[in-house]
Amino acid sequence: MLLEAMIAILIFSMGILAIVGLQAASVRNANDAMYRTTASLLANELIGQMWVSDRTTATLQTNFNSPSGAAYTVWQVNVKASLPGVTDSANLPTVNVAANGTVTIGLNWKLPSEPAGMPAHSYVAVAQIQ
């Protein structure tokens, strides 16, 4: 009878440990989804600014191309405040306005809890501004 009770406790403990592991994975995935949503909102914010500005290609390139566009530098401050690990020079956001009006925005971030050597998370948005 004692052996049966110990086996029952062992099986119950394994089940509880599995539930705790699932909870940890769920929290990690929820955090990843939150940062991905934030990246999407930041990219859409910049695209919206482009739509309401002077939409000539030359003006868009001057104001929004990385790393020196005036509107880009203002937006970059907001990105650094919203996404973790963006202060690293390898993870800075990129904005490229092509001659045909195609805009490519790349956002990279790295969670502080991730070990070194893990690739950064990324989000890329492409829009046509005319």
N, C-alpha and C. Protein backbone atom coordinates (compact mmCIF):
# COMPACT_ATOMS: atom_id res chain seq x y z
N MET A 1 0.82 -1.18 0.00
CA MET A 1 0.00 0.00 0.00
C MET A 1 0.88 1.26 0.00
N LEU A 2 1.95 1.23 0.75
CA LEU A 2 2.87 2.36 0.79
C LEU A 2 3.52 2.56 -0.58
N LEU A 3 3.86 1.48 -1.24
CA LEU A 3 4.46 1.55 -2.57
C LEU A 3 3.46 2.16 -3.57
N GLU A 4 2.21 1.78 -3.49
CA GLU A 4 1.19 2.34 -4.38
C GLU A 4 1.03 3.84 -4.14
N ALA A 5 1.07 4.27 -2.91
CA ALA A 5 0.95 5.70 -2.58
C ALA A 5 2.14 6.48 -3.14
N MET A 6 3.34 5.91 -3.02
CA MET A 6 4.52 6.60 -3.54
C MET A 6 4.48 6.70 -5.06
N ILE A 7 4.02 5.66 -5.72
CA ILE A 7 3.90 5.69 -7.18
C ILE A 7 2.85 6.73 -7.60
N ALA A 8 1.75 6.79 -6.86
CA ALA A 8 0.71 7.78 -7.16
C ALA A 8 1.26 9.20 -6.97
N ILE A 9 2.03 9.44 -5.93
CA ILE A 9 2.63 10.76 -5.69
C ILE A 9 3.62 11.09 -6.81
N LEU A 10 4.40 10.10 -7.25
CA LEU A 10 5.35 10.32 -8.33
C LEU A 10 4.63 10.70 -9.63
N ILE A 11 3.57 10.01 -9.96
CA ILE A 11 2.81 10.31 -11.18
C ILE A 11 2.18 11.71 -11.08
N PHE A 12 1.63 12.03 -9.92
CA PHE A 12 1.03 13.35 -9.71
C PHE A 12 2.09 14.45 -9.83
N SER A 13 3.27 14.22 -9.25
CA SER A 13 4.35 15.21 -9.32
C SER A 13 4.81 15.44 -10.75
N MET A 14 4.92 14.39 -11.52
CA MET A 14 5.31 14.53 -12.93
C MET A 14 4.28 15.37 -13.70
N GLY A 15 3.02 15.16 -13.42
CA GLY A 15 1.96 15.94 -14.06
C GLY A 15 2.05 17.42 -13.69
N ILE A 16 2.30 17.71 -12.43
CA ILE A 16 2.44 19.10 -11.98
C ILE A 16 3.65 19.75 -12.64
N LEU A 17 4.77 19.04 -12.71
CA LEU A 17 5.96 19.59 -13.37
C LEU A 17 5.70 19.88 -14.85
N ALA A 18 4.96 19.02 -15.50
CA ALA A 18 4.62 19.25 -16.91
C ALA A 18 3.76 20.50 -17.06
N ILE A 19 2.82 20.70 -16.17
CA ILE A 19 1.97 21.89 -16.22
C ILE A 19 2.78 23.15 -15.98
N VAL A 20 3.73 23.11 -15.05
CA VAL A 20 4.59 24.26 -14.79
C VAL A 20 5.45 24.57 -16.03
N GLY A 21 5.97 23.56 -16.68
CA GLY A 21 6.74 23.76 -17.91
C GLY A 21 5.89 24.37 -19.02
N LEU A 22 4.66 23.93 -19.16
CA LEU A 22 3.76 24.50 -20.16
C LEU A 22 3.45 25.96 -19.85
N GLN A 23 3.30 26.27 -18.57
CA GLN A 23 3.03 27.66 -18.17
C GLN A 23 4.21 28.56 -18.53
N ALA A 24 5.42 28.10 -18.29
CA ALA A 24 6.62 28.88 -18.62
C ALA A 24 6.71 29.11 -20.13
N ALA A 25 6.43 28.09 -20.92
CA ALA A 25 6.45 28.25 -22.37
C ALA A 25 5.36 29.21 -22.83
N SER A 26 4.22 29.15 -22.19
CA SER A 26 3.12 30.06 -22.53
C SER A 26 3.49 31.51 -22.26
N VAL A 27 4.12 31.79 -21.14
CA VAL A 27 4.55 33.15 -20.80
C VAL A 27 5.60 33.63 -21.80
N ARG A 28 6.54 32.79 -22.16
CA ARG A 28 7.58 33.14 -23.13
C ARG A 28 6.96 33.48 -24.50
N ASN A 29 6.00 32.67 -24.95
CA ASN A 29 5.34 32.92 -26.23
C ASN A 29 4.49 34.18 -26.19
N ALA A 30 3.86 34.46 -25.05
CA ALA A 30 3.07 35.69 -24.92
C ALA A 30 3.97 36.92 -24.99
N ASN A 31 5.15 36.86 -24.37
CA ASN A 31 6.09 37.98 -24.44
C ASN A 31 6.57 38.19 -25.88
N ASP A 32 6.87 37.11 -26.57
CA ASP A 32 7.31 37.21 -27.96
C ASP A 32 6.22 37.84 -28.82
N ALA A 33 4.98 37.44 -28.61
CA ALA A 33 3.87 38.00 -29.36
C ALA A 33 3.68 39.48 -29.05
N MET A 34 3.89 39.88 -27.81
CA MET A 34 3.76 41.28 -27.43
C MET A 34 4.80 42.13 -28.16
N TYR A 35 6.07 41.68 -28.19
CA TYR A 35 7.11 42.44 -28.86
C TYR A 35 6.91 42.46 -30.37
N ARG A 36 6.42 41.37 -30.93
CA ARG A 36 6.15 41.34 -32.37
C ARG A 36 5.02 42.31 -32.72
N THR A 37 4.00 42.38 -31.88
CA THR A 37 2.91 43.34 -32.09
C THR A 37 3.41 44.77 -31.97
N THR A 38 4.28 45.02 -31.00
CA THR A 38 4.86 46.35 -30.83
C THR A 38 5.67 46.73 -32.06
N ALA A 39 6.46 45.80 -32.59
CA ALA A 39 7.24 46.07 -33.79
C ALA A 39 6.33 46.39 -34.97
N SER A 40 5.25 45.67 -35.10
CA SER A 40 4.29 45.92 -36.18
C SER A 40 3.68 47.31 -36.04
N LEU A 41 3.30 47.69 -34.83
CA LEU A 41 2.72 49.01 -34.61
C LEU A 41 3.73 50.12 -34.91
N LEU A 42 4.99 49.92 -34.53
CA LEU A 42 6.02 50.92 -34.80
C LEU A 42 6.25 51.09 -36.30
N ALA A 43 6.29 49.99 -37.03
CA ALA A 43 6.47 50.06 -38.48
C ALA A 43 5.28 50.75 -39.13
N ASN A 44 4.08 50.42 -38.70
CA ASN A 44 2.89 51.05 -39.27
C ASN A 44 2.82 52.53 -38.91
N GLU A 45 3.33 52.90 -37.75
CA GLU A 45 3.38 54.31 -37.37
C GLU A 45 4.26 55.09 -38.36
N LEU A 46 5.41 54.54 -38.67
CA LEU A 46 6.31 55.23 -39.61
C LEU A 46 5.71 55.29 -41.01
N ILE A 47 5.08 54.22 -41.44
CA ILE A 47 4.42 54.22 -42.76
C ILE A 47 3.31 55.27 -42.79
N GLY A 48 2.58 55.40 -41.71
CA GLY A 48 1.55 56.43 -41.63
C GLY A 48 2.13 57.83 -41.72
N GLN A 49 3.27 58.05 -41.07
CA GLN A 49 3.94 59.35 -41.17
C GLN A 49 4.36 59.63 -42.61
N MET A 50 4.79 58.59 -43.31
CA MET A 50 5.18 58.76 -44.71
C MET A 50 3.98 59.13 -45.56
N TRP A 51 2.84 58.51 -45.30
CA TRP A 51 1.65 58.78 -46.09
C TRP A 51 1.16 60.21 -45.93
N VAL A 52 1.31 60.79 -44.74
CA VAL A 52 0.80 62.15 -44.53
C VAL A 52 1.84 63.21 -44.86
N SER A 53 3.07 62.82 -45.13
CA SER A 53 4.11 63.78 -45.50
C SER A 53 4.11 63.99 -47.01
N ASP A 54 5.06 64.79 -47.47
CA ASP A 54 5.27 64.95 -48.91
C ASP A 54 5.75 63.61 -49.46
N ARG A 55 4.98 63.01 -50.37
CA ARG A 55 5.26 61.64 -50.79
C ARG A 55 6.16 61.53 -52.01
N THR A 56 6.88 62.58 -52.35
CA THR A 56 7.84 62.43 -53.44
C THR A 56 8.99 61.56 -52.95
N THR A 57 9.53 60.79 -53.85
CA THR A 57 10.58 59.83 -53.48
C THR A 57 11.78 60.52 -52.86
N ALA A 58 12.19 61.63 -53.42
CA ALA A 58 13.36 62.34 -52.90
C ALA A 58 13.13 62.82 -51.47
N THR A 59 11.94 63.34 -51.20
CA THR A 59 11.63 63.81 -49.84
C THR A 59 11.55 62.65 -48.87
N LEU A 60 10.93 61.55 -49.29
CA LEU A 60 10.85 60.37 -48.42
C LEU A 60 12.24 59.84 -48.10
N GLN A 61 13.11 59.80 -49.09
CA GLN A 61 14.47 59.31 -48.85
C GLN A 61 15.22 60.24 -47.91
N THR A 62 15.06 61.54 -48.08
CA THR A 62 15.76 62.50 -47.22
C THR A 62 15.27 62.42 -45.78
N ASN A 63 13.97 62.30 -45.59
CA ASN A 63 13.41 62.35 -44.24
C ASN A 63 13.39 61.01 -43.51
N PHE A 64 13.29 59.90 -44.25
CA PHE A 64 13.01 58.63 -43.58
C PHE A 64 14.09 57.56 -43.74
N ASN A 65 15.00 57.70 -44.69
CA ASN A 65 16.02 56.66 -44.85
C ASN A 65 16.93 56.61 -43.63
N SER A 66 17.30 55.39 -43.25
CA SER A 66 18.25 55.25 -42.14
C SER A 66 19.65 55.41 -42.69
N PRO A 67 20.60 55.86 -41.95
CA PRO A 67 20.57 56.18 -40.53
C PRO A 67 20.46 57.67 -40.22
N SER A 68 20.24 58.54 -41.23
CA SER A 68 20.36 59.96 -40.93
C SER A 68 19.12 60.79 -41.26
N GLY A 69 18.04 60.18 -41.69
CA GLY A 69 16.83 60.95 -41.98
C GLY A 69 16.29 61.61 -40.72
N ALA A 70 15.79 62.83 -40.85
CA ALA A 70 15.31 63.57 -39.68
C ALA A 70 14.14 62.86 -39.00
N ALA A 71 13.15 62.43 -39.76
CA ALA A 71 12.01 61.73 -39.18
C ALA A 71 12.42 60.35 -38.68
N TYR A 72 13.41 59.75 -39.34
CA TYR A 72 13.90 58.43 -38.90
C TYR A 72 14.51 58.53 -37.51
N THR A 73 15.32 59.54 -37.25
CA THR A 73 16.00 59.64 -35.95
C THR A 73 14.99 59.86 -34.83
N VAL A 74 13.93 60.63 -35.09
CA VAL A 74 12.88 60.82 -34.08
C VAL A 74 12.16 59.50 -33.82
N TRP A 75 11.84 58.78 -34.88
CA TRP A 75 11.14 57.49 -34.76
C TRP A 75 12.03 56.46 -34.06
N GLN A 76 13.33 56.51 -34.34
CA GLN A 76 14.26 55.54 -33.75
C GLN A 76 14.29 55.64 -32.23
N VAL A 77 14.15 56.84 -31.69
CA VAL A 77 14.10 57.03 -30.23
C VAL A 77 12.91 56.27 -29.65
N ASN A 78 11.77 56.33 -30.33
CA ASN A 78 10.57 55.61 -29.89
C ASN A 78 10.77 54.10 -29.98
N VAL A 79 11.45 53.65 -31.02
CA VAL A 79 11.73 52.22 -31.18
C VAL A 79 12.63 51.73 -30.03
N LYS A 80 13.68 52.49 -29.73
CA LYS A 80 14.60 52.10 -28.66
C LYS A 80 13.89 52.03 -27.31
N ALA A 81 12.89 52.89 -27.11
CA ALA A 81 12.15 52.88 -25.84
C ALA A 81 11.14 51.74 -25.77
N SER A 82 10.72 51.22 -26.93
CA SER A 82 9.65 50.22 -26.96
C SER A 82 10.12 48.78 -27.08
N LEU A 83 11.26 48.56 -27.72
CA LEU A 83 11.73 47.19 -27.94
C LEU A 83 13.05 46.97 -27.19
N PRO A 84 13.22 45.81 -26.57
CA PRO A 84 14.47 45.56 -25.83
C PRO A 84 15.62 45.19 -26.77
N GLY A 85 16.81 45.57 -26.39
CA GLY A 85 18.01 45.17 -27.13
C GLY A 85 18.23 45.92 -28.42
N VAL A 86 17.52 47.02 -28.64
CA VAL A 86 17.68 47.78 -29.88
C VAL A 86 18.87 48.73 -29.79
N THR A 87 19.38 48.96 -28.61
CA THR A 87 20.52 49.88 -28.47
C THR A 87 21.79 49.31 -29.09
N ASP A 88 21.86 48.00 -29.25
CA ASP A 88 23.00 47.37 -29.91
C ASP A 88 23.03 47.81 -31.37
N SER A 89 24.20 48.18 -31.86
CA SER A 89 24.30 48.70 -33.24
C SER A 89 23.84 47.67 -34.28
N ALA A 90 23.95 46.40 -33.98
CA ALA A 90 23.51 45.37 -34.93
C ALA A 90 22.00 45.27 -34.99
N ASN A 91 21.30 45.78 -33.98
CA ASN A 91 19.85 45.65 -33.91
C ASN A 91 19.11 46.95 -34.21
N LEU A 92 19.80 47.96 -34.71
CA LEU A 92 19.12 49.22 -35.02
C LEU A 92 18.13 49.02 -36.15
N PRO A 93 17.00 49.74 -36.13
CA PRO A 93 16.02 49.59 -37.20
C PRO A 93 16.56 50.14 -38.52
N THR A 94 16.10 49.57 -39.60
CA THR A 94 16.52 50.03 -40.92
C THR A 94 15.30 50.45 -41.72
N VAL A 95 15.46 51.54 -42.45
CA VAL A 95 14.40 52.03 -43.34
C VAL A 95 15.05 52.33 -44.68
N ASN A 96 14.49 51.75 -45.73
CA ASN A 96 15.01 51.97 -47.07
C ASN A 96 13.86 52.36 -47.98
N VAL A 97 13.95 53.57 -48.54
CA VAL A 97 12.97 54.02 -49.52
C VAL A 97 13.60 53.87 -50.90
N ALA A 98 13.06 52.98 -51.71
CA ALA A 98 13.59 52.73 -53.05
C ALA A 98 13.10 53.81 -54.02
N ALA A 99 13.72 53.87 -55.16
CA ALA A 99 13.38 54.88 -56.17
C ALA A 99 11.94 54.76 -56.67
N ASN A 100 11.37 53.57 -56.62
CA ASN A 100 10.00 53.38 -57.10
C ASN A 100 8.95 53.60 -56.00
N GLY A 101 9.38 54.05 -54.83
CA GLY A 101 8.45 54.32 -53.73
C GLY A 101 8.21 53.15 -52.81
N THR A 102 8.89 52.04 -53.03
CA THR A 102 8.75 50.90 -52.13
C THR A 102 9.56 51.15 -50.86
N VAL A 103 8.91 51.02 -49.73
CA VAL A 103 9.55 51.26 -48.43
C VAL A 103 9.71 49.92 -47.72
N THR A 104 10.91 49.65 -47.26
CA THR A 104 11.18 48.44 -46.47
C THR A 104 11.67 48.87 -45.10
N ILE A 105 10.96 48.41 -44.07
CA ILE A 105 11.30 48.74 -42.68
C ILE A 105 11.67 47.44 -41.99
N GLY A 106 12.84 47.40 -41.40
CA GLY A 106 13.31 46.23 -40.67
C GLY A 106 13.54 46.56 -39.21
N LEU A 107 12.93 45.79 -38.33
CA LEU A 107 13.10 45.97 -36.89
C LEU A 107 13.68 44.69 -36.30
N ASN A 108 14.68 44.84 -35.43
CA ASN A 108 15.31 43.71 -34.74
C ASN A 108 15.34 44.02 -33.26
N TRP A 109 15.12 43.00 -32.45
CA TRP A 109 15.22 43.17 -31.01
C TRP A 109 15.73 41.88 -30.39
N LYS A 110 16.28 42.02 -29.20
CA LYS A 110 16.85 40.87 -28.49
C LYS A 110 16.42 40.96 -27.04
N LEU A 111 15.84 39.89 -26.54
CA LEU A 111 15.38 39.86 -25.16
C LEU A 111 16.56 39.73 -24.21
N PRO A 112 16.51 40.40 -23.08
CA PRO A 112 17.63 40.32 -22.14
C PRO A 112 17.84 38.93 -21.56
N SER A 113 16.79 38.12 -21.52
CA SER A 113 16.90 36.79 -20.94
C SER A 113 17.48 35.76 -21.91
N GLU A 114 17.66 36.13 -23.17
CA GLU A 114 18.18 35.18 -24.15
C GLU A 114 19.69 35.09 -24.05
N PRO A 115 20.24 33.90 -24.20
CA PRO A 115 21.70 33.74 -24.13
C PRO A 115 22.39 34.39 -25.32
N ALA A 116 23.64 34.74 -25.13
CA ALA A 116 24.43 35.32 -26.22
C ALA A 116 24.56 34.29 -27.34
N GLY A 117 24.57 34.75 -28.54
CA GLY A 117 24.67 33.85 -29.68
C GLY A 117 23.32 33.51 -30.30
N MET A 118 22.24 33.80 -29.58
CA MET A 118 20.91 33.58 -30.15
C MET A 118 20.64 34.68 -31.17
N PRO A 119 20.05 34.35 -32.31
CA PRO A 119 19.76 35.41 -33.30
C PRO A 119 18.67 36.35 -32.78
N ALA A 120 18.73 37.58 -33.23
CA ALA A 120 17.74 38.57 -32.82
C ALA A 120 16.39 38.25 -33.47
N HIS A 121 15.32 38.64 -32.79
CA HIS A 121 13.99 38.54 -33.37
C HIS A 121 13.87 39.64 -34.41
N SER A 122 13.10 39.42 -35.45
CA SER A 122 13.01 40.45 -36.48
C SER A 122 11.59 40.56 -37.03
N TYR A 123 11.31 41.75 -37.54
CA TYR A 123 10.04 42.03 -38.20
C TYR A 123 10.34 42.91 -39.39
N VAL A 124 9.80 42.60 -40.55
CA VAL A 124 10.02 43.38 -41.77
C VAL A 124 8.67 43.76 -42.34
N ALA A 125 8.52 45.05 -42.64
CA ALA A 125 7.30 45.56 -43.28
C ALA A 125 7.68 46.19 -44.61
N VAL A 126 6.89 45.93 -45.62
CA VAL A 126 7.12 46.49 -46.95
C VAL A 126 5.83 47.19 -47.37
N ALA A 127 5.98 48.44 -47.84
CA ALA A 127 4.82 49.21 -48.28
C ALA A 127 5.17 49.98 -49.54
N GLN A 128 4.15 50.33 -50.29
CA GLN A 128 4.32 51.14 -51.49
C GLN A 128 3.73 52.51 -51.21
N ILE A 129 4.56 53.55 -51.21
CA ILE A 129 4.11 54.91 -50.96
C ILE A 129 4.15 55.68 -52.27
N GLN A 130 2.99 56.17 -52.71
CA GLN A 130 2.94 56.96 -53.95
C GLN A 130 2.01 58.13 -53.77
